[in-house]
Amino acid sequence: METHVFIAILSGALLHAGWNSVVKVGLDRFSTILLLSYVQALIAITGLIFFVPLPSVSSLGWLVLGAFLHTGYKIFLIKAYERADLSQVYPVARGTAPLLVLLFSIFFLHESFSRTEVIAVLTISGGILVMALKGHAKQTGYTGLFFSLIAALFTASYTLADGMGARVAGTASGFILSLILLDTLNIWVYARTTRRVKLFPTSLRVWKPGFYAGAMSLAAYWITVWAFTQAPIALVASLREISILFATMIAVVILKEPVSLWRWVSACCIALGVIMMRH
């Protein structure tokens, strides 16, 4: 993996940890996700009209599939958050996905990886799972864990769909922005039919965190999909999970949350996996 791609993925991971922190300290999670989607849609419309070409017709199937999978991921992530703590849900939802992506890439995409790269992926995923299962003192039951694993399945699926779609779209940016519009439409329909939330909040206090989270989320996602065109999908998917380490640091330094020894051990495993992947 080239240095500039490596640095870009780490930057995207930091942004991902940042917008999740905004969601954590903001409004109820679904309202924040809804506002996040609106902000992303506004940016996407502007980009598609003035700056970015539309993706090729050959990527349409991947576009529709990717939007469906992104929406499913958000829905099941919210269900998990309603039943378990953030520190348990997020690591499981994010940490299981690289393993699924790696297995699919090996058996179906026929991508090749060195022994060190495979060990790095397993080390990062293992560290994240340790953080989820051992780094949290209060066990909140298996329902939240179940929904977290479903969210991980959606994460792995949209990772592969986005990677394949970006490669045939002719423009990674156009593919990203088009997918965001479809995903926002899906979220809006879901909110209108199943959730009792304001579809268009008017309070500035509501929109500010939504704007920040939306901008950071879009930037993190754009970096990830661009990286899919520069490096093997499984390596990108695993490396971006360094966001767990960044989130732990944000929790300690900014949010002043207590972090157990198990969390620090798992964070070190993640960092070790990143170093192994780089070399």
C-alpha atoms as a PDB file:
ATOM      1  CA  MET A   1       0.000   0.000   0.000  1.00  0.00           C
ATOM      2  CA  GLU A   2       1.411   3.391  -1.000  1.00  0.00           C
ATOM      3  CA  THR A   3       2.125   5.991   1.679  1.00  0.00           C
ATOM      4  CA  HIS A   4      -0.396   8.605   0.504  1.00  0.00           C
ATOM      5  CA  VAL A   5      -3.173   5.994   0.440  1.00  0.00           C
ATOM      6  CA  PHE A   6      -2.183   4.812   3.914  1.00  0.00           C
ATOM      7  CA  ILE A   7      -2.289   8.372   5.312  1.00  0.00           C
ATOM      8  CA  ALA A   8      -5.607   9.095   3.605  1.00  0.00           C
ATOM      9  CA  ILE A   9      -7.233   6.014   5.145  1.00  0.00           C
ATOM     10  CA  LEU A  10      -5.992   6.979   8.614  1.00  0.00           C
ATOM     11  CA  SER A  11      -7.435  10.474   8.112  1.00  0.00           C
ATOM     12  CA  GLY A  12     -10.756   8.950   7.132  1.00  0.00           C
ATOM     13  CA  ALA A  13     -10.682   6.754  10.232  1.00  0.00           C
ATOM     14  CA  LEU A  14     -10.163   9.824  12.436  1.00  0.00           C
ATOM     15  CA  LEU A  15     -13.108  11.566  10.766  1.00  0.00           C
ATOM     16  CA  HIS A  16     -15.245   8.453  11.266  1.00  0.00           C
ATOM     17  CA  ALA A  17     -14.437   8.382  14.976  1.00  0.00           C
ATOM     18  CA  GLY A  18     -15.183  12.102  15.115  1.00  0.00           C
ATOM     19  CA  TRP A  19     -18.675  11.944  13.657  1.00  0.00           C
ATOM     20  CA  ASN A  20     -19.569   8.969  15.843  1.00  0.00           C
ATOM     21  CA  SER A  21     -18.517  11.013  18.867  1.00  0.00           C
ATOM     22  CA  VAL A  22     -20.841  13.804  17.711  1.00  0.00           C
ATOM     23  CA  VAL A  23     -23.684  11.305  17.402  1.00  0.00           C
ATOM     24  CA  LYS A  24     -22.913   9.920  20.855  1.00  0.00           C
ATOM     25  CA  VAL A  25     -23.159  13.270  22.654  1.00  0.00           C
ATOM     26  CA  GLY A  26     -25.959  14.719  20.512  1.00  0.00           C
ATOM     27  CA  LEU A  27     -29.674  14.036  20.135  1.00  0.00           C
ATOM     28  CA  ASP A  28     -31.358  10.669  19.951  1.00  0.00           C
ATOM     29  CA  ARG A  29     -29.447   8.575  17.485  1.00  0.00           C
ATOM     30  CA  PHE A  30     -32.055   8.239  14.764  1.00  0.00           C
ATOM     31  CA  SER A  31     -32.711  11.987  14.579  1.00  0.00           C
ATOM     32  CA  THR A  32     -28.988  12.621  14.320  1.00  0.00           C
ATOM     33  CA  ILE A  33     -28.603  10.003  11.578  1.00  0.00           C
ATOM     34  CA  LEU A  34     -31.550  11.557   9.722  1.00  0.00           C
ATOM     35  CA  LEU A  35     -30.022  15.046   9.886  1.00  0.00           C
ATOM     36  CA  LEU A  36     -26.637  13.631   8.938  1.00  0.00           C
ATOM     37  CA  SER A  37     -28.239  12.161   5.817  1.00  0.00           C
ATOM     38  CA  TYR A  38     -29.855  15.495   4.906  1.00  0.00           C
ATOM     39  CA  VAL A  39     -26.540  17.331   5.167  1.00  0.00           C
ATOM     40  CA  GLN A  40     -24.827  14.710   3.037  1.00  0.00           C
ATOM     41  CA  ALA A  41     -27.614  14.918   0.452  1.00  0.00           C
ATOM     42  CA  LEU A  42     -27.230  18.708   0.154  1.00  0.00           C
ATOM     43  CA  ILE A  43     -23.498  18.337  -0.393  1.00  0.00           C
ATOM     44  CA  ALA A  44     -24.071  15.500  -2.864  1.00  0.00           C
ATOM     45  CA  ILE A  45     -26.578  17.478  -4.943  1.00  0.00           C
ATOM     46  CA  THR A  46     -24.218  20.456  -5.104  1.00  0.00           C
ATOM     47  CA  GLY A  47     -21.321  18.241  -6.131  1.00  0.00           C
ATOM     48  CA  LEU A  48     -23.239  16.386  -8.833  1.00  0.00           C
ATOM     49  CA  ILE A  49     -24.624  19.595 -10.359  1.00  0.00           C
ATOM     50  CA  PHE A  50     -21.455  21.686 -10.398  1.00  0.00           C
ATOM     51  CA  PHE A  51     -18.336  19.588  -9.884  1.00  0.00           C
ATOM     52  CA  VAL A  52     -18.613  15.835 -10.397  1.00  0.00           C
ATOM     53  CA  PRO A  53     -19.763  13.728 -13.385  1.00  0.00           C
ATOM     54  CA  LEU A  54     -22.411  11.060 -12.958  1.00  0.00           C
ATOM     55  CA  PRO A  55     -21.226   7.442 -12.635  1.00  0.00           C
ATOM     56  CA  SER A  56     -21.451   5.165 -15.641  1.00  0.00           C
ATOM     57  CA  VAL A  57     -24.598   3.162 -16.315  1.00  0.00           C
ATOM     58  CA  SER A  58     -22.626  -0.047 -15.746  1.00  0.00           C
ATOM     59  CA  SER A  59     -22.393   0.802 -12.033  1.00  0.00           C
ATOM     60  CA  LEU A  60     -26.156   1.291 -11.570  1.00  0.00           C
ATOM     61  CA  GLY A  61     -26.710  -2.161 -10.086  1.00  0.00           C
ATOM     62  CA  TRP A  62     -23.925  -1.664  -7.556  1.00  0.00           C
ATOM     63  CA  LEU A  63     -25.331   1.793  -6.782  1.00  0.00           C
ATOM     64  CA  VAL A  64     -28.801   0.516  -5.922  1.00  0.00           C
ATOM     65  CA  LEU A  65     -27.408  -2.429  -3.959  1.00  0.00           C
ATOM     66  CA  GLY A  66     -24.976  -0.207  -2.053  1.00  0.00           C
ATOM     67  CA  ALA A  67     -27.709   2.267  -1.065  1.00  0.00           C
ATOM     68  CA  PHE A  68     -29.903  -0.564   0.229  1.00  0.00           C
ATOM     69  CA  LEU A  69     -27.017  -2.002   2.256  1.00  0.00           C
ATOM     70  CA  HIS A  70     -26.024   1.377   3.735  1.00  0.00           C
ATOM     71  CA  THR A  71     -29.600   1.963   4.862  1.00  0.00           C
ATOM     72  CA  GLY A  72     -29.837  -1.506   6.368  1.00  0.00           C
ATOM     73  CA  TYR A  73     -26.581  -0.922   8.237  1.00  0.00           C
ATOM     74  CA  LYS A  74     -27.891   2.298   9.788  1.00  0.00           C
ATOM     75  CA  ILE A  75     -31.226   0.761  10.770  1.00  0.00           C
ATOM     76  CA  PHE A  76     -29.677  -2.232  12.533  1.00  0.00           C
ATOM     77  CA  LEU A  77     -26.986  -0.067  14.108  1.00  0.00           C
ATOM     78  CA  ILE A  78     -29.734   2.073  15.650  1.00  0.00           C
ATOM     79  CA  LYS A  79     -31.539  -1.063  16.868  1.00  0.00           C
ATOM     80  CA  ALA A  80     -28.300  -2.221  18.489  1.00  0.00           C
ATOM     81  CA  TYR A  81     -27.733   1.157  20.148  1.00  0.00           C
ATOM     82  CA  GLU A  82     -31.244   1.014  21.595  1.00  0.00           C
ATOM     83  CA  ARG A  83     -30.328  -2.210  23.398  1.00  0.00           C
ATOM     84  CA  ALA A  84     -26.636  -1.905  24.294  1.00  0.00           C
ATOM     85  CA  ASP A  85     -23.936   0.660  24.981  1.00  0.00           C
ATOM     86  CA  LEU A  86     -21.958   2.441  22.302  1.00  0.00           C
ATOM     87  CA  SER A  87     -18.694   0.957  23.564  1.00  0.00           C
ATOM     88  CA  GLN A  88     -20.057  -2.553  23.021  1.00  0.00           C
ATOM     89  CA  VAL A  89     -22.021  -2.072  19.787  1.00  0.00           C
ATOM     90  CA  TYR A  90     -19.575  -0.037  17.719  1.00  0.00           C
ATOM     91  CA  PRO A  91     -16.526  -2.311  18.082  1.00  0.00           C
ATOM     92  CA  VAL A  92     -18.515  -5.435  17.227  1.00  0.00           C
ATOM     93  CA  ALA A  93     -20.289  -3.810  14.286  1.00  0.00           C
ATOM     94  CA  ARG A  94     -17.038  -2.457  12.863  1.00  0.00           C
ATOM     95  CA  GLY A  95     -14.636  -5.180  13.968  1.00  0.00           C
ATOM     96  CA  THR A  96     -16.395  -8.203  12.549  1.00  0.00           C
ATOM     97  CA  ALA A  97     -16.738  -6.673   9.087  1.00  0.00           C
ATOM     98  CA  PRO A  98     -13.046  -6.860   7.991  1.00  0.00           C
ATOM     99  CA  LEU A  99     -12.996 -10.604   8.624  1.00  0.00           C
ATOM    100  CA  LEU A 100     -16.061 -11.079   6.438  1.00  0.00           C
ATOM    101  CA  VAL A 101     -14.599  -8.843   3.718  1.00  0.00           C
ATOM    102  CA  LEU A 102     -11.292 -10.721   3.799  1.00  0.00           C
ATOM    103  CA  LEU A 103     -12.966 -14.116   3.432  1.00  0.00           C
ATOM    104  CA  PHE A 104     -15.152 -12.905   0.576  1.00  0.00           C
ATOM    105  CA  SER A 105     -12.205 -11.242  -1.190  1.00  0.00           C
ATOM    106  CA  ILE A 106     -10.156 -14.439  -1.006  1.00  0.00           C
ATOM    107  CA  PHE A 107     -12.849 -16.904  -2.075  1.00  0.00           C
ATOM    108  CA  PHE A 108     -14.900 -14.828  -4.542  1.00  0.00           C
ATOM    109  CA  LEU A 109     -12.812 -11.868  -5.771  1.00  0.00           C
ATOM    110  CA  HIS A 110      -9.620 -13.957  -5.892  1.00  0.00           C
ATOM    111  CA  GLU A 111      -7.499 -11.141  -4.489  1.00  0.00           C
ATOM    112  CA  SER A 112      -4.138 -12.239  -3.092  1.00  0.00           C
ATOM    113  CA  PHE A 113      -2.607 -11.178   0.219  1.00  0.00           C
ATOM    114  CA  SER A 114       0.710 -11.809   1.890  1.00  0.00           C
ATOM    115  CA  ARG A 115       0.886 -13.754   5.133  1.00  0.00           C
ATOM    116  CA  THR A 116       1.756 -10.554   7.006  1.00  0.00           C
ATOM    117  CA  GLU A 117      -1.264  -8.726   5.586  1.00  0.00           C
ATOM    118  CA  VAL A 118      -3.600 -11.552   6.592  1.00  0.00           C
ATOM    119  CA  ILE A 119      -2.139 -11.620  10.121  1.00  0.00           C
ATOM    120  CA  ALA A 120      -2.537  -7.833  10.286  1.00  0.00           C
ATOM    121  CA  VAL A 121      -6.230  -8.064   9.373  1.00  0.00           C
ATOM    122  CA  LEU A 122      -6.798 -10.775  11.982  1.00  0.00           C
ATOM    123  CA  THR A 123      -4.873  -8.795  14.617  1.00  0.00           C
ATOM    124  CA  ILE A 124      -6.915  -5.641  14.053  1.00  0.00           C
ATOM    125  CA  SER A 125     -10.212  -7.520  14.078  1.00  0.00           C
ATOM    126  CA  GLY A 126      -9.187  -9.527  17.138  1.00  0.00           C
ATOM    127  CA  GLY A 127      -8.271  -6.357  19.004  1.00  0.00           C
ATOM    128  CA  ILE A 128     -11.616  -4.774  18.200  1.00  0.00           C
ATOM    129  CA  LEU A 129     -13.560  -7.840  19.311  1.00  0.00           C
ATOM    130  CA  VAL A 130     -11.585  -8.002  22.573  1.00  0.00           C
ATOM    131  CA  MET A 131     -12.549  -4.383  23.181  1.00  0.00           C
ATOM    132  CA  ALA A 132     -16.206  -5.225  22.665  1.00  0.00           C
ATOM    133  CA  LEU A 133     -16.389  -8.459  24.656  1.00  0.00           C
ATOM    134  CA  LYS A 134     -13.830  -7.889  27.433  1.00  0.00           C
ATOM    135  CA  GLY A 135     -13.434  -4.136  27.619  1.00  0.00           C
ATOM    136  CA  HIS A 136     -16.916  -3.426  28.936  1.00  0.00           C
ATOM    137  CA  ALA A 137     -17.738  -4.278  32.549  1.00  0.00           C
ATOM    138  CA  LYS A 138     -21.519  -4.095  32.324  1.00  0.00           C
ATOM    139  CA  GLN A 139     -22.902  -6.859  30.128  1.00  0.00           C
ATOM    140  CA  THR A 140     -26.089  -5.690  28.429  1.00  0.00           C
ATOM    141  CA  GLY A 141     -27.363  -8.979  27.058  1.00  0.00           C
ATOM    142  CA  TYR A 142     -27.215 -10.716  23.715  1.00  0.00           C
ATOM    143  CA  THR A 143     -29.913  -8.819  21.803  1.00  0.00           C
ATOM    144  CA  GLY A 144     -27.714  -5.786  21.273  1.00  0.00           C
ATOM    145  CA  LEU A 145     -24.835  -8.038  20.280  1.00  0.00           C
ATOM    146  CA  PHE A 146     -27.076  -9.846  17.798  1.00  0.00           C
ATOM    147  CA  PHE A 147     -28.079  -6.603  16.082  1.00  0.00           C
ATOM    148  CA  SER A 148     -24.431  -5.500  16.129  1.00  0.00           C
ATOM    149  CA  LEU A 149     -23.457  -8.621  14.208  1.00  0.00           C
ATOM    150  CA  ILE A 150     -26.219  -7.999  11.666  1.00  0.00           C
ATOM    151  CA  ALA A 151     -24.905  -4.442  11.269  1.00  0.00           C
ATOM    152  CA  ALA A 152     -21.439  -5.927  10.709  1.00  0.00           C
ATOM    153  CA  LEU A 153     -22.831  -8.154   7.963  1.00  0.00           C
ATOM    154  CA  PHE A 154     -24.309  -5.096   6.264  1.00  0.00           C
ATOM    155  CA  THR A 155     -20.991  -3.274   6.703  1.00  0.00           C
ATOM    156  CA  ALA A 156     -19.060  -6.065   5.021  1.00  0.00           C
ATOM    157  CA  SER A 157     -21.633  -6.258   2.229  1.00  0.00           C
ATOM    158  CA  TYR A 158     -21.685  -2.540   1.441  1.00  0.00           C
ATOM    159  CA  THR A 159     -17.891  -2.419   1.640  1.00  0.00           C
ATOM    160  CA  LEU A 160     -17.662  -4.959  -1.162  1.00  0.00           C
ATOM    161  CA  ALA A 161     -20.500  -3.400  -3.173  1.00  0.00           C
ATOM    162  CA  ASP A 162     -18.993   0.095  -2.880  1.00  0.00           C
ATOM    163  CA  GLY A 163     -15.562  -1.147  -3.834  1.00  0.00           C
ATOM    164  CA  MET A 164     -16.807  -2.979  -6.919  1.00  0.00           C
ATOM    165  CA  GLY A 165     -19.093  -0.119  -7.918  1.00  0.00           C
ATOM    166  CA  ALA A 166     -16.384   2.527  -7.602  1.00  0.00           C
ATOM    167  CA  ARG A 167     -14.095   0.480  -9.834  1.00  0.00           C
ATOM    168  CA  VAL A 168     -16.588   0.324 -12.713  1.00  0.00           C
ATOM    169  CA  ALA A 169     -18.247   3.725 -12.239  1.00  0.00           C
ATOM    170  CA  GLY A 170     -15.544   5.698 -14.019  1.00  0.00           C
ATOM    171  CA  THR A 171     -15.683   8.281 -11.219  1.00  0.00           C
ATOM    172  CA  ALA A 172     -15.412   7.344  -7.558  1.00  0.00           C
ATOM    173  CA  SER A 173     -16.723  10.765  -6.480  1.00  0.00           C
ATOM    174  CA  GLY A 174     -19.775  10.545  -8.745  1.00  0.00           C
ATOM    175  CA  PHE A 175     -20.534   7.062  -7.450  1.00  0.00           C
ATOM    176  CA  ILE A 176     -20.249   8.215  -3.825  1.00  0.00           C
ATOM    177  CA  LEU A 177     -22.510  11.242  -4.209  1.00  0.00           C
ATOM    178  CA  SER A 178     -25.141   9.321  -6.179  1.00  0.00           C
ATOM    179  CA  LEU A 179     -25.190   6.563  -3.576  1.00  0.00           C
ATOM    180  CA  ILE A 180     -25.625   9.138  -0.801  1.00  0.00           C
ATOM    181  CA  LEU A 181     -28.734  10.538  -2.500  1.00  0.00           C
ATOM    182  CA  LEU A 182     -30.314   7.083  -2.758  1.00  0.00           C
ATOM    183  CA  ASP A 183     -29.391   6.265   0.834  1.00  0.00           C
ATOM    184  CA  THR A 184     -30.921   9.536   2.067  1.00  0.00           C
ATOM    185  CA  LEU A 185     -34.129   8.762   0.186  1.00  0.00           C
ATOM    186  CA  ASN A 186     -34.252   5.323   1.816  1.00  0.00           C
ATOM    187  CA  ILE A 187     -33.700   6.780   5.294  1.00  0.00           C
ATOM    188  CA  TRP A 188     -36.389   9.426   4.713  1.00  0.00           C
ATOM    189  CA  VAL A 189     -38.930   6.808   3.594  1.00  0.00           C
ATOM    190  CA  TYR A 190     -38.071   4.626   6.590  1.00  0.00           C
ATOM    191  CA  ALA A 191     -38.440   7.574   8.984  1.00  0.00           C
ATOM    192  CA  ARG A 192     -41.753   8.598   7.459  1.00  0.00           C
ATOM    193  CA  THR A 193     -43.271   5.121   7.601  1.00  0.00           C
ATOM    194  CA  THR A 194     -41.900   3.640  10.833  1.00  0.00           C
ATOM    195  CA  ARG A 195     -40.502   6.345  13.164  1.00  0.00           C
ATOM    196  CA  ARG A 196     -42.189   9.159  15.066  1.00  0.00           C
ATOM    197  CA  VAL A 197     -39.548  11.834  14.592  1.00  0.00           C
ATOM    198  CA  LYS A 198     -39.604  15.293  13.041  1.00  0.00           C
ATOM    199  CA  LEU A 199     -38.548  14.881   9.431  1.00  0.00           C
ATOM    200  CA  PHE A 200     -37.338  18.490   9.186  1.00  0.00           C
ATOM    201  CA  PRO A 201     -36.301  19.921  12.596  1.00  0.00           C
ATOM    202  CA  THR A 202     -36.060  23.727  12.687  1.00  0.00           C
ATOM    203  CA  SER A 203     -33.904  24.267  15.768  1.00  0.00           C
ATOM    204  CA  LEU A 204     -30.313  25.408  15.182  1.00  0.00           C
ATOM    205  CA  ARG A 205     -29.331  23.337  18.212  1.00  0.00           C
ATOM    206  CA  VAL A 206     -30.517  20.284  16.305  1.00  0.00           C
ATOM    207  CA  TRP A 207     -28.907  21.143  12.976  1.00  0.00           C
ATOM    208  CA  LYS A 208     -25.420  22.070  14.204  1.00  0.00           C
ATOM    209  CA  PRO A 209     -24.383  18.568  15.316  1.00  0.00           C
ATOM    210  CA  GLY A 210     -26.101  17.146  12.248  1.00  0.00           C
ATOM    211  CA  PHE A 211     -24.075  19.425   9.982  1.00  0.00           C
ATOM    212  CA  TYR A 212     -20.747  18.583  11.619  1.00  0.00           C
ATOM    213  CA  ALA A 213     -21.492  14.858  11.689  1.00  0.00           C
ATOM    214  CA  GLY A 214     -22.707  14.897   8.091  1.00  0.00           C
ATOM    215  CA  ALA A 215     -19.635  16.715   6.789  1.00  0.00           C
ATOM    216  CA  MET A 216     -17.221  14.431   8.647  1.00  0.00           C
ATOM    217  CA  SER A 217     -19.119  11.298   7.651  1.00  0.00           C
ATOM    218  CA  LEU A 218     -19.155  12.274   3.983  1.00  0.00           C
ATOM    219  CA  ALA A 219     -15.433  13.068   3.987  1.00  0.00           C
ATOM    220  CA  ALA A 220     -14.611   9.779   5.724  1.00  0.00           C
ATOM    221  CA  TYR A 221     -16.754   7.814   3.285  1.00  0.00           C
ATOM    222  CA  TRP A 222     -15.301   9.550   0.214  1.00  0.00           C
ATOM    223  CA  ILE A 223     -11.759   8.751   1.372  1.00  0.00           C
ATOM    224  CA  THR A 224     -12.686   5.104   1.917  1.00  0.00           C
ATOM    225  CA  VAL A 225     -14.314   4.579  -1.479  1.00  0.00           C
ATOM    226  CA  TRP A 226     -11.447   6.380  -3.227  1.00  0.00           C
ATOM    227  CA  ALA A 227      -9.018   4.093  -1.382  1.00  0.00           C
ATOM    228  CA  PHE A 228     -10.937   1.075  -2.729  1.00  0.00           C
ATOM    229  CA  THR A 229      -9.697   2.078  -6.186  1.00  0.00           C
ATOM    230  CA  GLN A 230      -6.087   2.318  -4.982  1.00  0.00           C
ATOM    231  CA  ALA A 231      -5.605  -0.788  -2.804  1.00  0.00           C
ATOM    232  CA  PRO A 232      -7.214  -4.208  -2.124  1.00  0.00           C
ATOM    233  CA  ILE A 233     -10.671  -3.789  -0.612  1.00  0.00           C
ATOM    234  CA  ALA A 234      -9.970  -6.059   2.380  1.00  0.00           C
ATOM    235  CA  LEU A 235      -6.854  -4.092   3.389  1.00  0.00           C
ATOM    236  CA  VAL A 236      -8.688  -0.775   3.189  1.00  0.00           C
ATOM    237  CA  ALA A 237     -11.636  -2.177   5.148  1.00  0.00           C
ATOM    238  CA  SER A 238      -9.346  -3.411   7.903  1.00  0.00           C
ATOM    239  CA  LEU A 239      -7.071  -0.375   8.107  1.00  0.00           C
ATOM    240  CA  ARG A 240      -9.965   2.050   8.478  1.00  0.00           C
ATOM    241  CA  GLU A 241     -10.966   0.227  11.678  1.00  0.00           C
ATOM    242  CA  ILE A 242      -8.141   2.133  13.377  1.00  0.00           C
ATOM    243  CA  SER A 243     -11.070   4.478  14.059  1.00  0.00           C
ATOM    244  CA  ILE A 244     -11.687   2.346  17.156  1.00  0.00           C
ATOM    245  CA  LEU A 245      -8.311   3.441  18.529  1.00  0.00           C
ATOM    246  CA  PHE A 246      -9.063   7.069  17.664  1.00  0.00           C
ATOM    247  CA  ALA A 247     -12.479   6.786  19.312  1.00  0.00           C
ATOM    248  CA  THR A 248     -10.859   5.434  22.477  1.00  0.00           C
ATOM    249  CA  MET A 249      -8.475   8.384  22.581  1.00  0.00           C
ATOM    250  CA  ILE A 250     -11.359  10.828  22.050  1.00  0.00           C
ATOM    251  CA  ALA A 251     -13.294   9.136  24.859  1.00  0.00           C
ATOM    252  CA  VAL A 252     -10.372   9.519  27.269  1.00  0.00           C
ATOM    253  CA  VAL A 253      -9.076  12.980  26.330  1.00  0.00           C
ATOM    254  CA  ILE A 254     -12.252  14.837  25.324  1.00  0.00           C
ATOM    255  CA  LEU A 255     -15.234  12.966  26.764  1.00  0.00           C
ATOM    256  CA  LYS A 256     -13.370  11.992  29.975  1.00  0.00           C
ATOM    257  CA  GLU A 257     -14.741   8.461  29.901  1.00  0.00           C
ATOM    258  CA  PRO A 258     -13.085   5.743  32.019  1.00  0.00           C
ATOM    259  CA  VAL A 259     -11.213   3.202  29.897  1.00  0.00           C
ATOM    260  CA  SER A 260     -10.396  -0.249  31.276  1.00  0.00           C
ATOM    261  CA  LEU A 261      -7.144  -2.168  30.902  1.00  0.00           C
ATOM    262  CA  TRP A 262      -8.807  -4.518  28.402  1.00  0.00           C
ATOM    263  CA  ARG A 263      -9.635  -1.569  26.168  1.00  0.00           C
ATOM    264  CA  TRP A 264      -6.034  -0.396  26.189  1.00  0.00           C
ATOM    265  CA  VAL A 265      -4.838  -3.925  25.391  1.00  0.00           C
ATOM    266  CA  SER A 266      -7.218  -4.156  22.458  1.00  0.00           C
ATOM    267  CA  ALA A 267      -6.220  -0.670  21.267  1.00  0.00           C
ATOM    268  CA  CYS A 268      -2.575  -1.761  21.234  1.00  0.00           C
ATOM    269  CA  CYS A 269      -3.533  -4.832  19.180  1.00  0.00           C
ATOM    270  CA  ILE A 270      -5.201  -2.551  16.648  1.00  0.00           C
ATOM    271  CA  ALA A 271      -2.147  -0.304  16.456  1.00  0.00           C
ATOM    272  CA  LEU A 272       0.119  -3.337  16.023  1.00  0.00           C
ATOM    273  CA  GLY A 273      -2.047  -4.609  13.192  1.00  0.00           C
ATOM    274  CA  VAL A 274      -1.806  -1.248  11.430  1.00  0.00           C
ATOM    275  CA  ILE A 275       1.991  -1.240  11.706  1.00  0.00           C
ATOM    276  CA  MET A 276       2.139  -4.794  10.330  1.00  0.00           C
ATOM    277  CA  MET A 277      -0.099  -3.850   7.426  1.00  0.00           C
ATOM    278  CA  ARG A 278       2.067  -0.853   6.541  1.00  0.00           C
ATOM    279  CA  HIS A 279       5.178  -3.058   6.310  1.00  0.00           C
END
